[in-house]
Amino acid sequence: MSRIGKAPIELPAGVTIQVKDNVATVKGPKGELSQAINPDITVKVEDGKIELTRPSDDREHRAMHGLYRALIHNMVVGVSEGYRKELELVGVGYRATATGQVLELALGYSHAIYIKLPKEVKVEAKMERNKNPLIILESSDKQLLGQVCAKIRSLRKPEPYKGKGIKFVGEVIRRKSGKSASAK
């Protein structure tokens, strides 16, 4: 039995879920999210709890059981609390400015990089003296937020020698020593 799949999901106050035609729609104070669900997985809502069941113990059904439970849980948390990710720009001259839904990045290239973010993602850029610039992203959709963060990070991944690049706050970069002097 799937340990994740059989765990019930608690519905916080102000969050409602509706399952119709194999599409689960979750509404809450931070927005509305929907997810298509495989017709083999059944979703029951009773007494403020969501429970998912599967028809058999096939490998495919076990995998989908845990997957859809996790996706629905992420939607419930997203519309009630929301998700937040912080990216840090490490490098001399690296800058980030946010105007509306457009993020402008100066990452040591010969040109500035402009990224138009989806309307579901809120962006904020912080630049303080003697600190690395921060990009703060917030959204109710965990998948979309992770995808946007991965796209921004892919523009200048942290390198192992000096640690320059875009990294998540709290991420540890494995460092390499570089060239060592020849022993004579």
C-alpha atoms as a PDB file:
ATOM      1  CA  MET A   1       0.000   0.000   0.000  1.00  0.00           C
ATOM      2  CA  SER A   2       1.273   3.456  -0.821  1.00  0.00           C
ATOM      3  CA  ARG A   3       2.222   5.246   2.375  1.00  0.00           C
ATOM      4  CA  ILE A   4       1.769   8.653   0.810  1.00  0.00           C
ATOM      5  CA  GLY A   5      -1.391   7.733  -1.087  1.00  0.00           C
ATOM      6  CA  LYS A   6      -3.303   6.385   1.906  1.00  0.00           C
ATOM      7  CA  ALA A   7      -2.620   9.418   4.125  1.00  0.00           C
ATOM      8  CA  PRO A   8      -5.691  11.688   4.228  1.00  0.00           C
ATOM      9  CA  ILE A   9      -5.378  15.377   3.327  1.00  0.00           C
ATOM     10  CA  GLU A  10      -6.762  17.853   5.885  1.00  0.00           C
ATOM     11  CA  LEU A  11      -8.754  20.728   4.379  1.00  0.00           C
ATOM     12  CA  PRO A  12      -7.921  24.011   6.152  1.00  0.00           C
ATOM     13  CA  ALA A  13     -10.630  26.591   6.848  1.00  0.00           C
ATOM     14  CA  GLY A  14     -11.618  28.545   3.736  1.00  0.00           C
ATOM     15  CA  VAL A  15     -10.459  25.864   1.264  1.00  0.00           C
ATOM     16  CA  THR A  16     -12.939  23.919  -0.848  1.00  0.00           C
ATOM     17  CA  ILE A  17     -12.410  21.097  -3.345  1.00  0.00           C
ATOM     18  CA  GLN A  18     -14.676  19.987  -6.149  1.00  0.00           C
ATOM     19  CA  VAL A  19     -14.120  16.868  -8.266  1.00  0.00           C
ATOM     20  CA  LYS A  20     -16.030  16.768 -11.547  1.00  0.00           C
ATOM     21  CA  ASP A  21     -15.253  14.832 -14.749  1.00  0.00           C
ATOM     22  CA  ASN A  22     -11.863  13.648 -13.392  1.00  0.00           C
ATOM     23  CA  VAL A  23     -10.711  17.224 -12.701  1.00  0.00           C
ATOM     24  CA  ALA A  24     -10.053  18.327  -9.116  1.00  0.00           C
ATOM     25  CA  THR A  25     -10.517  22.067  -8.521  1.00  0.00           C
ATOM     26  CA  VAL A  26      -9.260  23.557  -5.243  1.00  0.00           C
ATOM     27  CA  LYS A  27     -10.326  27.078  -4.216  1.00  0.00           C
ATOM     28  CA  GLY A  28      -8.901  29.083  -1.357  1.00  0.00           C
ATOM     29  CA  PRO A  29      -7.922  32.571  -0.219  1.00  0.00           C
ATOM     30  CA  LYS A  30      -4.783  32.636  -2.432  1.00  0.00           C
ATOM     31  CA  GLY A  31      -6.488  31.526  -5.655  1.00  0.00           C
ATOM     32  CA  GLU A  32      -7.839  28.545  -7.549  1.00  0.00           C
ATOM     33  CA  LEU A  33      -5.965  25.553  -8.986  1.00  0.00           C
ATOM     34  CA  SER A  34      -7.154  22.551 -10.967  1.00  0.00           C
ATOM     35  CA  GLN A  35      -5.574  19.210 -11.861  1.00  0.00           C
ATOM     36  CA  ALA A  36      -6.733  16.411 -14.147  1.00  0.00           C
ATOM     37  CA  ILE A  37      -6.882  13.066 -12.343  1.00  0.00           C
ATOM     38  CA  ASN A  38      -6.659   9.593 -13.870  1.00  0.00           C
ATOM     39  CA  PRO A  39     -10.144   7.991 -13.947  1.00  0.00           C
ATOM     40  CA  ASP A  40      -8.823   4.910 -12.082  1.00  0.00           C
ATOM     41  CA  ILE A  41      -8.132   6.951  -8.916  1.00  0.00           C
ATOM     42  CA  THR A  42     -11.230   7.900  -6.899  1.00  0.00           C
ATOM     43  CA  VAL A  43     -11.312  11.020  -4.731  1.00  0.00           C
ATOM     44  CA  LYS A  44     -13.677  11.234  -1.729  1.00  0.00           C
ATOM     45  CA  VAL A  45     -14.262  14.361   0.351  1.00  0.00           C
ATOM     46  CA  GLU A  46     -15.745  13.712   3.805  1.00  0.00           C
ATOM     47  CA  ASP A  47     -15.663  15.699   7.078  1.00  0.00           C
ATOM     48  CA  GLY A  48     -12.990  18.145   5.881  1.00  0.00           C
ATOM     49  CA  LYS A  49     -10.672  15.342   4.728  1.00  0.00           C
ATOM     50  CA  ILE A  50      -9.739  14.187   1.243  1.00  0.00           C
ATOM     51  CA  GLU A  51      -9.030  10.493   0.692  1.00  0.00           C
ATOM     52  CA  LEU A  52      -7.795   8.855  -2.499  1.00  0.00           C
ATOM     53  CA  THR A  53      -8.293   5.167  -3.316  1.00  0.00           C
ATOM     54  CA  ARG A  54      -7.058   2.934  -6.120  1.00  0.00           C
ATOM     55  CA  PRO A  55      -8.749  -0.083  -7.734  1.00  0.00           C
ATOM     56  CA  SER A  56      -5.861  -2.586  -7.484  1.00  0.00           C
ATOM     57  CA  ASP A  57      -2.282  -3.100  -6.333  1.00  0.00           C
ATOM     58  CA  ASP A  58      -0.847  -2.883  -9.848  1.00  0.00           C
ATOM     59  CA  ARG A  59       2.452  -1.065 -10.091  1.00  0.00           C
ATOM     60  CA  GLU A  60       0.888   1.700 -12.216  1.00  0.00           C
ATOM     61  CA  HIS A  61      -2.040   2.191  -9.812  1.00  0.00           C
ATOM     62  CA  ARG A  62       0.298   2.355  -6.797  1.00  0.00           C
ATOM     63  CA  ALA A  63       2.417   5.007  -8.520  1.00  0.00           C
ATOM     64  CA  MET A  64      -0.600   7.121  -9.525  1.00  0.00           C
ATOM     65  CA  HIS A  65      -2.101   6.807  -6.035  1.00  0.00           C
ATOM     66  CA  GLY A  66       0.847   8.557  -4.374  1.00  0.00           C
ATOM     67  CA  LEU A  67       1.316  10.999  -7.254  1.00  0.00           C
ATOM     68  CA  TYR A  68      -2.226  12.388  -7.261  1.00  0.00           C
ATOM     69  CA  ARG A  69      -2.343  12.541  -3.468  1.00  0.00           C
ATOM     70  CA  ALA A  70       0.850  14.633  -3.501  1.00  0.00           C
ATOM     71  CA  LEU A  71      -0.438  16.888  -6.310  1.00  0.00           C
ATOM     72  CA  ILE A  72      -3.745  17.548  -4.505  1.00  0.00           C
ATOM     73  CA  HIS A  73      -1.906  18.183  -1.224  1.00  0.00           C
ATOM     74  CA  ASN A  74       0.365  20.706  -2.980  1.00  0.00           C
ATOM     75  CA  MET A  75      -2.701  22.460  -4.400  1.00  0.00           C
ATOM     76  CA  VAL A  76      -4.378  22.633  -0.961  1.00  0.00           C
ATOM     77  CA  VAL A  77      -1.234  24.087   0.650  1.00  0.00           C
ATOM     78  CA  GLY A  78      -0.773  26.476  -2.297  1.00  0.00           C
ATOM     79  CA  VAL A  79      -4.248  28.037  -2.149  1.00  0.00           C
ATOM     80  CA  SER A  80      -4.168  28.300   1.659  1.00  0.00           C
ATOM     81  CA  GLU A  81      -0.558  29.368   2.440  1.00  0.00           C
ATOM     82  CA  GLY A  82       1.236  29.726  -0.902  1.00  0.00           C
ATOM     83  CA  TYR A  83       4.810  28.874  -1.816  1.00  0.00           C
ATOM     84  CA  ARG A  84       7.910  31.078  -1.716  1.00  0.00           C
ATOM     85  CA  LYS A  85      11.389  30.575  -3.184  1.00  0.00           C
ATOM     86  CA  GLU A  86      14.419  32.827  -2.847  1.00  0.00           C
ATOM     87  CA  LEU A  87      17.249  32.926  -5.370  1.00  0.00           C
ATOM     88  CA  GLU A  88      20.603  34.546  -4.622  1.00  0.00           C
ATOM     89  CA  LEU A  89      22.876  36.084  -7.283  1.00  0.00           C
ATOM     90  CA  VAL A  90      26.529  35.473  -6.374  1.00  0.00           C
ATOM     91  CA  GLY A  91      29.055  37.362  -8.481  1.00  0.00           C
ATOM     92  CA  VAL A  92      30.595  40.787  -9.029  1.00  0.00           C
ATOM     93  CA  GLY A  93      28.229  43.055 -10.932  1.00  0.00           C
ATOM     94  CA  TYR A  94      25.289  40.639 -10.872  1.00  0.00           C
ATOM     95  CA  ARG A  95      22.037  42.598 -10.510  1.00  0.00           C
ATOM     96  CA  ALA A  96      18.307  41.934 -10.595  1.00  0.00           C
ATOM     97  CA  THR A  97      15.454  44.435 -10.964  1.00  0.00           C
ATOM     98  CA  ALA A  98      11.757  43.643 -11.143  1.00  0.00           C
ATOM     99  CA  THR A  99       9.216  45.918 -12.836  1.00  0.00           C
ATOM    100  CA  GLY A 100       5.747  44.394 -12.851  1.00  0.00           C
ATOM    101  CA  GLN A 101       5.999  40.875 -14.273  1.00  0.00           C
ATOM    102  CA  VAL A 102       9.317  41.517 -16.053  1.00  0.00           C
ATOM    103  CA  LEU A 103      12.575  40.506 -14.360  1.00  0.00           C
ATOM    104  CA  GLU A 104      15.769  42.143 -15.647  1.00  0.00           C
ATOM    105  CA  LEU A 105      19.010  40.323 -14.885  1.00  0.00           C
ATOM    106  CA  ALA A 106      22.615  41.451 -15.358  1.00  0.00           C
ATOM    107  CA  LEU A 107      24.665  38.247 -15.096  1.00  0.00           C
ATOM    108  CA  GLY A 108      28.030  39.164 -16.564  1.00  0.00           C
ATOM    109  CA  TYR A 109      26.974  38.723 -20.177  1.00  0.00           C
ATOM    110  CA  SER A 110      27.358  41.508 -22.756  1.00  0.00           C
ATOM    111  CA  HIS A 111      23.605  42.167 -22.554  1.00  0.00           C
ATOM    112  CA  ALA A 112      20.832  42.290 -19.954  1.00  0.00           C
ATOM    113  CA  ILE A 113      18.403  39.366 -19.822  1.00  0.00           C
ATOM    114  CA  TYR A 114      14.668  40.100 -19.600  1.00  0.00           C
ATOM    115  CA  ILE A 115      12.264  37.403 -18.418  1.00  0.00           C
ATOM    116  CA  LYS A 116       8.494  37.859 -18.596  1.00  0.00           C
ATOM    117  CA  LEU A 117       7.012  35.879 -15.728  1.00  0.00           C
ATOM    118  CA  PRO A 118       3.529  34.298 -15.667  1.00  0.00           C
ATOM    119  CA  LYS A 119       0.824  36.346 -13.934  1.00  0.00           C
ATOM    120  CA  GLU A 120       0.445  33.652 -11.232  1.00  0.00           C
ATOM    121  CA  VAL A 121       4.001  34.335  -9.971  1.00  0.00           C
ATOM    122  CA  LYS A 122       4.752  37.430  -7.883  1.00  0.00           C
ATOM    123  CA  VAL A 123       8.347  38.633  -8.113  1.00  0.00           C
ATOM    124  CA  GLU A 124      10.393  40.945  -5.914  1.00  0.00           C
ATOM    125  CA  ALA A 125      14.068  41.863  -6.243  1.00  0.00           C
ATOM    126  CA  LYS A 126      16.083  43.016  -3.225  1.00  0.00           C
ATOM    127  CA  MET A 127      19.465  44.661  -3.482  1.00  0.00           C
ATOM    128  CA  GLU A 128      21.173  45.669  -0.239  1.00  0.00           C
ATOM    129  CA  ARG A 129      24.623  47.127   0.201  1.00  0.00           C
ATOM    130  CA  ASN A 130      27.378  44.532   0.850  1.00  0.00           C
ATOM    131  CA  LYS A 131      24.927  41.654   0.297  1.00  0.00           C
ATOM    132  CA  ASN A 132      24.179  39.501  -2.719  1.00  0.00           C
ATOM    133  CA  PRO A 133      21.049  40.490  -4.694  1.00  0.00           C
ATOM    134  CA  LEU A 134      17.968  38.367  -3.954  1.00  0.00           C
ATOM    135  CA  ILE A 135      15.064  37.382  -6.181  1.00  0.00           C
ATOM    136  CA  ILE A 136      11.951  36.426  -4.192  1.00  0.00           C
ATOM    137  CA  LEU A 137       9.257  34.499  -6.064  1.00  0.00           C
ATOM    138  CA  GLU A 138       5.816  33.675  -4.631  1.00  0.00           C
ATOM    139  CA  SER A 139       2.956  31.656  -6.094  1.00  0.00           C
ATOM    140  CA  SER A 140       0.139  29.310  -5.151  1.00  0.00           C
ATOM    141  CA  ASP A 141       1.166  26.828  -7.877  1.00  0.00           C
ATOM    142  CA  LYS A 142       4.167  24.786  -6.686  1.00  0.00           C
ATOM    143  CA  GLN A 143       4.874  23.235 -10.107  1.00  0.00           C
ATOM    144  CA  LEU A 144       4.871  26.582 -11.925  1.00  0.00           C
ATOM    145  CA  LEU A 145       7.036  28.218  -9.254  1.00  0.00           C
ATOM    146  CA  GLY A 146       9.628  25.428  -9.463  1.00  0.00           C
ATOM    147  CA  GLN A 147       9.679  25.636 -13.243  1.00  0.00           C
ATOM    148  CA  VAL A 148      10.212  29.434 -13.210  1.00  0.00           C
ATOM    149  CA  CYS A 149      12.999  29.086 -10.606  1.00  0.00           C
ATOM    150  CA  ALA A 150      14.707  26.396 -12.678  1.00  0.00           C
ATOM    151  CA  LYS A 151      14.535  28.595 -15.793  1.00  0.00           C
ATOM    152  CA  ILE A 152      16.063  31.590 -13.975  1.00  0.00           C
ATOM    153  CA  ARG A 153      18.768  29.387 -12.404  1.00  0.00           C
ATOM    154  CA  SER A 154      19.647  27.843 -15.793  1.00  0.00           C
ATOM    155  CA  LEU A 155      20.746  31.275 -17.085  1.00  0.00           C
ATOM    156  CA  ARG A 156      23.881  31.128 -14.885  1.00  0.00           C
ATOM    157  CA  LYS A 157      24.247  27.947 -12.827  1.00  0.00           C
ATOM    158  CA  PRO A 158      26.609  28.116  -9.837  1.00  0.00           C
ATOM    159  CA  GLU A 159      30.083  26.977 -10.801  1.00  0.00           C
ATOM    160  CA  PRO A 160      32.217  24.893  -8.410  1.00  0.00           C
ATOM    161  CA  TYR A 161      35.441  26.942  -8.429  1.00  0.00           C
ATOM    162  CA  LYS A 162      34.383  30.408  -7.261  1.00  0.00           C
ATOM    163  CA  GLY A 163      30.726  29.691  -6.495  1.00  0.00           C
ATOM    164  CA  LYS A 164      29.484  32.377  -8.907  1.00  0.00           C
ATOM    165  CA  GLY A 165      26.005  32.063 -10.384  1.00  0.00           C
ATOM    166  CA  ILE A 166      22.346  31.930  -9.360  1.00  0.00           C
ATOM    167  CA  LYS A 167      21.609  29.631  -6.427  1.00  0.00           C
ATOM    168  CA  PHE A 168      18.790  29.001  -4.007  1.00  0.00           C
ATOM    169  CA  VAL A 169      19.143  30.604  -0.575  1.00  0.00           C
ATOM    170  CA  GLY A 170      20.548  27.938   1.728  1.00  0.00           C
ATOM    171  CA  GLU A 171      21.832  25.758  -1.121  1.00  0.00           C
ATOM    172  CA  VAL A 172      25.329  24.387  -0.565  1.00  0.00           C
ATOM    173  CA  ILE A 173      27.615  24.372  -3.603  1.00  0.00           C
ATOM    174  CA  ARG A 174      30.295  21.653  -3.625  1.00  0.00           C
ATOM    175  CA  ARG A 175      33.542  23.516  -4.190  1.00  0.00           C
ATOM    176  CA  LYS A 176      36.605  22.310  -6.071  1.00  0.00           C
ATOM    177  CA  SER A 177      40.160  23.377  -5.267  1.00  0.00           C
ATOM    178  CA  GLY A 178      41.232  24.295  -8.801  1.00  0.00           C
ATOM    179  CA  LYS A 179      44.806  24.093 -10.051  1.00  0.00           C
ATOM    180  CA  SER A 180      47.404  23.366  -7.410  1.00  0.00           C
ATOM    181  CA  ALA A 181      51.033  24.463  -7.661  1.00  0.00           C
ATOM    182  CA  SER A 182      53.352  21.846  -9.123  1.00  0.00           C
ATOM    183  CA  ALA A 183      55.576  20.149  -6.528  1.00  0.00           C
ATOM    184  CA  LYS A 184      59.288  20.439  -7.336  1.00  0.00           C
END
